Protein backbone atom coordinates (compact mmCIF):
# COMPACT_ATOMS: atom_id res chain seq x y z
CA MET A 1 82.27 -16.08 -12.85
CA GLU A 2 79.56 -13.45 -12.57
CA PRO A 3 76.74 -13.97 -9.97
CA ALA A 4 73.35 -14.93 -11.33
CA VAL A 5 70.95 -12.01 -11.73
CA LYS A 6 67.87 -12.38 -9.51
CA ASN A 7 64.51 -11.94 -11.15
CA THR A 8 61.87 -9.46 -9.98
CA GLU A 9 59.79 -12.07 -8.12
CA ASP A 10 62.81 -13.26 -6.07
CA LEU A 11 63.69 -9.68 -5.14
CA ASP A 12 60.08 -8.94 -4.19
CA ARG A 13 59.89 -12.10 -2.06
CA GLU A 14 63.08 -11.22 -0.18
CA THR A 15 61.86 -7.67 0.41
CA ARG A 16 58.56 -8.95 1.77
CA VAL A 17 60.35 -11.34 4.14
CA ASP A 18 62.27 -8.41 5.64
CA ARG A 19 59.03 -6.62 6.50
CA GLN A 20 56.78 -7.47 9.44
CA ALA A 21 53.69 -9.39 8.36
CA TYR A 22 50.32 -7.74 8.88
CA THR A 23 48.20 -9.49 11.51
CA PRO A 24 45.24 -10.89 9.54
CA ASP A 25 41.61 -10.40 10.48
CA LYS A 26 40.60 -13.67 12.14
CA SER A 27 36.84 -13.15 12.04
CA PHE A 28 34.83 -16.10 10.75
CA LEU A 29 33.82 -14.51 7.43
CA ILE A 30 37.31 -13.24 6.55
CA THR A 31 38.89 -16.58 7.52
CA LEU A 32 36.38 -18.44 5.35
CA LEU A 33 37.00 -16.10 2.40
CA ARG A 34 40.74 -16.53 2.79
CA LEU A 35 40.41 -20.35 2.69
CA ILE A 36 38.14 -20.23 -0.37
CA GLY A 37 40.60 -17.91 -2.11
CA ARG A 38 43.39 -20.45 -1.73
CA PHE A 39 41.46 -23.03 -3.77
CA LEU A 40 40.32 -20.68 -6.56
CA PRO A 41 42.91 -20.23 -9.32
CA GLY A 42 43.60 -16.76 -10.66
CA ASP A 43 42.45 -13.30 -9.65
CA TYR A 44 39.63 -13.20 -12.20
CA LEU A 45 37.88 -16.26 -10.76
CA LYS A 46 38.46 -15.06 -7.20
CA THR A 47 36.92 -11.66 -8.06
CA ALA A 48 33.94 -13.19 -9.89
CA PHE A 49 33.26 -15.48 -6.93
CA TYR A 50 33.42 -12.62 -4.43
CA LEU A 51 31.16 -10.26 -6.40
CA ASN A 52 28.48 -12.86 -7.21
CA ALA A 53 28.55 -15.17 -4.19
CA ILE A 54 29.40 -12.71 -1.40
CA HIS A 55 28.96 -9.05 -2.30
CA ARG A 56 25.68 -9.25 -4.24
CA PRO A 57 23.77 -11.46 -1.73
CA ARG A 58 24.97 -9.29 1.18
CA LYS A 59 23.84 -6.14 -0.62
CA LEU A 60 20.42 -7.62 -1.42
CA LEU A 61 19.95 -8.80 2.16
CA ARG A 62 21.02 -5.44 3.58
CA GLU A 63 18.65 -3.58 1.29
CA ALA A 64 15.79 -5.96 2.04
CA ILE A 65 16.15 -5.40 5.78
CA LEU A 66 17.23 -1.77 6.03
CA SER A 67 16.01 -0.02 2.87
CA PHE A 68 13.69 2.89 3.54
CA TYR A 69 10.05 2.60 2.50
CA ARG A 70 8.25 5.89 2.75
CA PHE A 71 5.06 4.70 4.44
CA ASP A 72 6.55 2.77 7.37
CA HIS A 73 7.10 5.97 9.32
CA VAL A 74 3.48 7.08 8.80
CA TYR A 75 2.22 4.11 10.79
CA GLU A 76 5.00 4.54 13.37
CA VAL A 77 4.20 8.22 13.98
CA LEU A 78 0.44 7.62 14.18
CA SER A 79 0.93 4.70 16.59
CA GLU A 80 3.26 6.82 18.73
CA ALA A 81 0.69 9.60 18.99
CA LYS A 82 -2.15 7.18 19.72
CA LYS A 83 -0.23 5.47 22.50
CA ASN A 84 1.48 8.43 24.15
CA TYR A 85 -0.40 11.68 23.56
CA ALA A 86 -3.83 13.06 24.34
CA GLY A 87 -5.82 15.42 22.15
CA ASP A 88 -6.28 15.92 18.43
CA PHE A 89 -3.58 16.13 15.79
CA SER A 90 -2.90 17.00 12.18
CA ILE A 91 -0.75 15.68 9.34
CA LEU A 92 0.35 18.15 6.65
CA GLU A 93 1.44 17.15 3.16
CA PHE A 94 3.02 19.65 0.75
CA GLY A 95 3.00 18.43 -2.85
CA THR A 96 -0.04 16.30 -3.67
CA SER A 97 0.06 15.50 -7.39
CA ASP A 98 -2.53 12.75 -7.95
CA GLY A 99 -2.87 12.03 -4.22
CA TYR A 100 -0.82 8.82 -4.14
CA ALA A 101 0.65 9.47 -0.69
CA PHE A 102 -2.30 11.50 0.59
CA THR A 103 -4.84 8.68 0.32
CA LYS A 104 -2.40 6.21 1.87
CA ILE A 105 -1.93 8.54 4.85
CA LEU A 106 -5.71 8.85 5.22
CA TYR A 107 -6.08 5.08 5.17
CA ALA A 108 -3.31 4.68 7.76
CA ALA A 109 -5.24 6.94 10.14
CA ARG A 110 -8.39 4.91 9.54
CA TYR A 111 -6.63 1.55 9.96
CA LEU A 112 -5.16 2.61 13.31
CA GLY A 113 -8.47 4.02 14.55
CA MET A 114 -7.22 7.61 14.48
CA SER A 115 -9.60 9.16 11.93
CA ASP A 116 -11.54 10.96 14.66
CA ARG A 117 -8.36 12.48 16.11
CA VAL A 118 -6.19 13.25 13.06
CA MET A 119 -7.03 15.78 10.35
CA VAL A 120 -4.98 15.23 7.20
CA HIS A 121 -4.24 18.32 5.07
CA THR A 122 -2.65 18.39 1.64
CA PHE A 123 -1.46 21.47 -0.27
CA ASP A 124 -0.88 21.78 -4.01
CA SER A 125 -1.55 24.13 -6.91
CA PHE A 126 -2.54 21.09 -9.04
CA GLU A 127 -0.77 22.82 -11.91
CA GLY A 128 2.37 20.70 -11.75
CA MET A 129 5.93 21.80 -11.03
CA PRO A 130 6.64 25.50 -11.45
CA MET A 131 9.74 26.84 -13.16
CA SER A 132 12.86 26.58 -11.02
CA VAL A 133 13.98 29.92 -9.64
CA GLY A 134 17.73 29.36 -9.46
CA LEU A 135 20.65 27.00 -8.85
CA THR A 136 19.22 25.92 -5.49
CA ASP A 137 16.48 24.07 -7.42
CA ARG A 138 18.66 22.66 -10.21
CA ASN A 139 20.10 19.22 -10.88
CA LEU A 140 23.86 19.68 -10.46
CA ILE A 141 24.77 16.18 -11.64
CA SER A 142 23.15 16.25 -15.08
CA ASN A 143 20.84 18.44 -17.14
CA ASP A 144 17.81 16.31 -16.22
CA ASP A 145 15.90 18.99 -14.30
CA TRP A 146 12.25 18.81 -13.35
CA VAL A 147 9.97 20.12 -16.08
CA GLN A 148 7.33 22.82 -15.70
CA GLY A 149 3.95 21.11 -15.37
CA GLN A 150 5.44 17.78 -14.22
CA PHE A 151 3.41 15.93 -11.54
CA LYS A 152 0.23 17.80 -12.41
CA GLY A 153 -2.64 16.35 -10.40
CA GLY A 154 -6.41 16.39 -10.64
CA TYR A 155 -8.08 18.29 -7.82
CA GLU A 156 -11.68 17.37 -8.72
CA SER A 157 -11.03 13.64 -9.12
CA LEU A 158 -9.07 13.49 -5.86
CA GLU A 159 -11.84 15.35 -4.03
CA ARG A 160 -14.46 12.93 -5.38
CA TYR A 161 -12.35 9.92 -4.39
CA CYS A 162 -11.79 11.16 -0.83
CA ARG A 163 -15.36 12.37 -0.29
CA THR A 164 -16.77 8.84 -0.57
CA ARG A 165 -14.19 7.32 1.81
CA HIS A 166 -13.01 9.83 4.39
CA ARG A 167 -14.11 12.84 6.41
CA ASN A 168 -10.90 13.82 8.18
CA TYR A 169 -9.23 15.63 5.30
CA HIS A 170 -8.85 19.01 3.67
CA ILE A 171 -7.40 19.59 0.20
CA HIS A 172 -5.93 23.10 -0.07
CA LYS A 173 -5.76 24.10 -3.73
CA GLY A 174 -3.43 26.97 -4.54
CA TYR A 175 0.11 28.19 -3.99
CA PHE A 176 1.65 27.63 -0.56
CA GLN A 177 2.03 31.34 0.20
CA ASP A 178 -1.71 31.77 -0.39
CA THR A 179 -3.14 28.62 1.23
CA LEU A 180 -1.09 28.77 4.44
CA THR A 181 -3.44 31.40 5.83
CA ASP A 182 -3.36 32.88 9.32
CA GLU A 183 -6.68 31.18 10.07
CA PHE A 184 -5.31 27.78 9.14
CA LEU A 185 -2.07 28.26 11.05
CA VAL A 186 -3.93 29.23 14.24
CA SER A 187 -6.00 26.03 13.94
CA LEU A 188 -2.78 24.02 14.36
CA ARG A 189 -2.59 25.08 18.00
CA SER A 190 -5.61 22.86 18.73
CA GLN A 191 -4.55 20.13 16.28
CA LEU A 192 -0.80 19.89 16.77
CA PRO A 193 1.06 18.51 13.74
CA ILE A 194 2.60 15.09 14.32
CA LEU A 195 3.92 14.62 10.77
CA ILE A 196 4.85 17.09 8.04
CA TRP A 197 5.36 15.48 4.62
CA ILE A 198 7.51 17.57 2.27
CA ASP A 199 7.25 16.49 -1.37
CA CYS A 200 7.50 19.86 -3.12
CA ASP A 201 11.05 19.05 -4.35
CA TYR A 202 12.38 22.60 -4.78
CA TYR A 203 14.35 24.41 -2.09
CA SER A 204 12.39 27.59 -2.86
CA SER A 205 9.04 25.84 -2.28
CA CYS A 206 10.30 24.17 0.90
CA ARG A 207 11.50 27.49 2.26
CA THR A 208 8.13 29.14 1.47
CA VAL A 209 6.35 26.46 3.52
CA PHE A 210 8.55 26.67 6.59
CA ASP A 211 8.84 30.43 6.67
CA ARG A 212 5.12 30.37 7.48
CA LEU A 213 4.92 27.12 9.42
CA ILE A 214 7.84 27.12 11.87
CA PRO A 215 6.11 29.00 14.73
CA TYR A 216 3.38 26.34 14.81
CA ILE A 217 5.49 23.16 14.83
CA PRO A 218 5.79 21.39 18.20
CA SER A 219 9.00 19.77 19.38
CA GLY A 220 9.04 16.10 18.43
CA CYS A 221 7.02 16.55 15.25
CA ALA A 222 8.30 14.21 12.51
CA ILE A 223 9.26 15.93 9.26
CA TYR A 224 9.68 13.77 6.17
CA PHE A 225 11.62 15.02 3.13
CA ASP A 226 10.76 12.98 0.04
CA GLU A 227 13.57 14.34 -2.14
CA TYR A 228 16.34 14.74 0.44
CA GLU A 229 18.79 12.74 -1.72
CA PHE A 230 18.47 15.20 -4.63
CA ASN A 231 22.04 15.85 -5.85
CA TYR A 232 23.17 13.17 -3.37
CA GLY A 233 21.91 15.23 -0.46
CA SER A 234 24.12 18.21 -1.30
CA ARG A 235 23.70 21.13 1.09
CA PHE A 236 23.67 23.47 -1.90
CA THR A 237 20.28 22.44 -3.29
CA GLY A 238 16.80 21.18 -2.60
CA GLU A 239 15.36 20.00 0.68
CA SER A 240 18.78 19.09 2.10
CA ARG A 241 19.81 22.75 1.74
CA PHE A 242 16.87 23.71 3.93
CA VAL A 243 17.83 21.13 6.59
CA ASP A 244 21.37 22.51 6.58
CA GLU A 245 20.14 26.10 6.96
CA ILE A 246 17.91 25.15 9.90
CA ASN A 247 20.75 23.42 11.70
CA ARG A 248 23.15 26.31 11.10
CA GLY A 249 20.70 28.69 12.77
CA MET A 250 19.96 30.68 9.63
CA LEU A 251 16.18 30.72 10.17
CA CYS A 252 16.02 30.79 13.96
CA ASP A 253 18.63 30.23 16.66
CA ASP A 254 16.54 27.99 18.95
CA ILE A 255 15.38 25.27 16.54
CA GLU A 256 17.01 22.26 14.89
CA LEU A 257 16.15 19.18 12.86
CA VAL A 258 17.43 15.98 14.46
CA LEU A 259 17.76 12.95 12.20
CA ASP A 260 15.51 10.14 13.46
CA ARG A 261 17.63 7.12 12.62
CA THR A 262 14.93 4.67 13.70
CA LEU A 263 12.45 6.06 11.17
CA SER A 264 15.00 6.93 8.46
CA LEU A 265 16.89 3.59 8.40
CA LEU A 266 19.57 3.93 5.69
CA SER A 267 18.14 7.19 4.35
CA GLU A 268 18.29 10.68 5.85
CA ARG A 269 14.67 11.53 5.16
CA VAL A 270 12.91 11.73 8.54
CA TYR A 271 13.77 14.34 11.16
CA ARG A 272 12.36 15.49 14.48
CA PHE A 273 11.72 19.19 14.90
CA ILE A 274 13.12 20.48 18.19
CA ARG A 275 12.58 23.94 19.70
CA LEU A 276 14.58 25.09 22.72
CA ASN A 277 12.02 27.61 24.00
CA ALA A 278 8.71 25.92 23.17
CA ASP A 279 5.52 27.43 24.58
CA PHE A 280 3.34 24.47 23.54
CA ARG A 281 3.92 20.71 23.69
CA TYR A 282 2.16 17.40 23.21
CA LYS A 283 0.15 16.24 26.24
CA LEU A 284 1.24 12.84 27.51
CA VAL A 285 -1.49 10.29 28.21
CA ALA A 286 0.47 9.15 31.28
CA PRO A 287 3.70 10.63 32.71
CA THR A 288 6.82 8.47 32.46
CA ASN A 289 8.81 10.07 35.29
CA TRP A 290 8.00 10.25 39.00
CA GLY A 291 9.98 11.00 42.15
CA GLU A 292 9.84 7.53 43.73
CA GLU A 293 11.11 5.71 40.63
CA VAL A 294 14.16 3.48 41.10
CA HIS A 295 15.73 0.68 39.05
CA LEU A 296 15.94 -2.16 41.59
CA ARG A 297 18.86 -4.61 41.67
CA SER A 298 18.15 -8.07 40.27
CA ASN A 299 21.46 -9.97 39.87
CA ASP A 300 25.08 -9.21 39.08
CA SER A 301 25.27 -11.03 35.74
CA PRO A 302 24.82 -9.26 32.38
CA LEU A 303 21.31 -10.70 32.22
CA PRO A 304 18.48 -8.38 33.34
């Protein structure tokens, strides 16, 4: 009599018994999911439950708490300067369009009582986006490139709007290579930049700005890149290419851009400019280090 032929499931079960079982994750969430999975019939229902009852709410909660909003850091940087540093400051925006961000920055300075100490500058041709000059400005994912003339703003209407509300501003109309004059750059030594807002999108435009500006940026200055995620943050294009070139020493061997994770949250948009051999710095309101400082013992428990 011939032996019965074992089916595939029996063979698979025997093979699995011979192998050492994986030690399961015993965390509360995984244990709960494992128990729920035992009562849900079929893989389709299990998957639908996980995606709609677990994955989606977790994603929404994570985004609600940690998603980057591009004006949080404006208030953080202004508050930091107000609390810690003496003197006058400047904020520089490159890429104005209709002034959406510019007027919000001006209001932030007013709200925090910094209008008399912070001059806000914005730079734009007010002619819209120029033609891209090469692959470093192109969309590598699709053919949806920026269009010449896109984001064209209105200089006169923005000037009228600001004139009736603020005094601590200057709108620089023209191309970056023309408006970043020697006279303006020298003025930054008495009004150190605390925030540089880059919203000119193209690598070529970004490089034009910093080729002129780098000698006048103090260590610790926050630099915000509005389109860092262009092409998923590829180092080949856009503002992320410029960040990569800085940190590979291609522009200067004693500077770097350090990602500020507190201000950037889940994005990679806000950096701190650092110079190794700086000849000018922010002036602290009060020093934080002194020779007699010591952290005294309190108790031996983990509590402070």
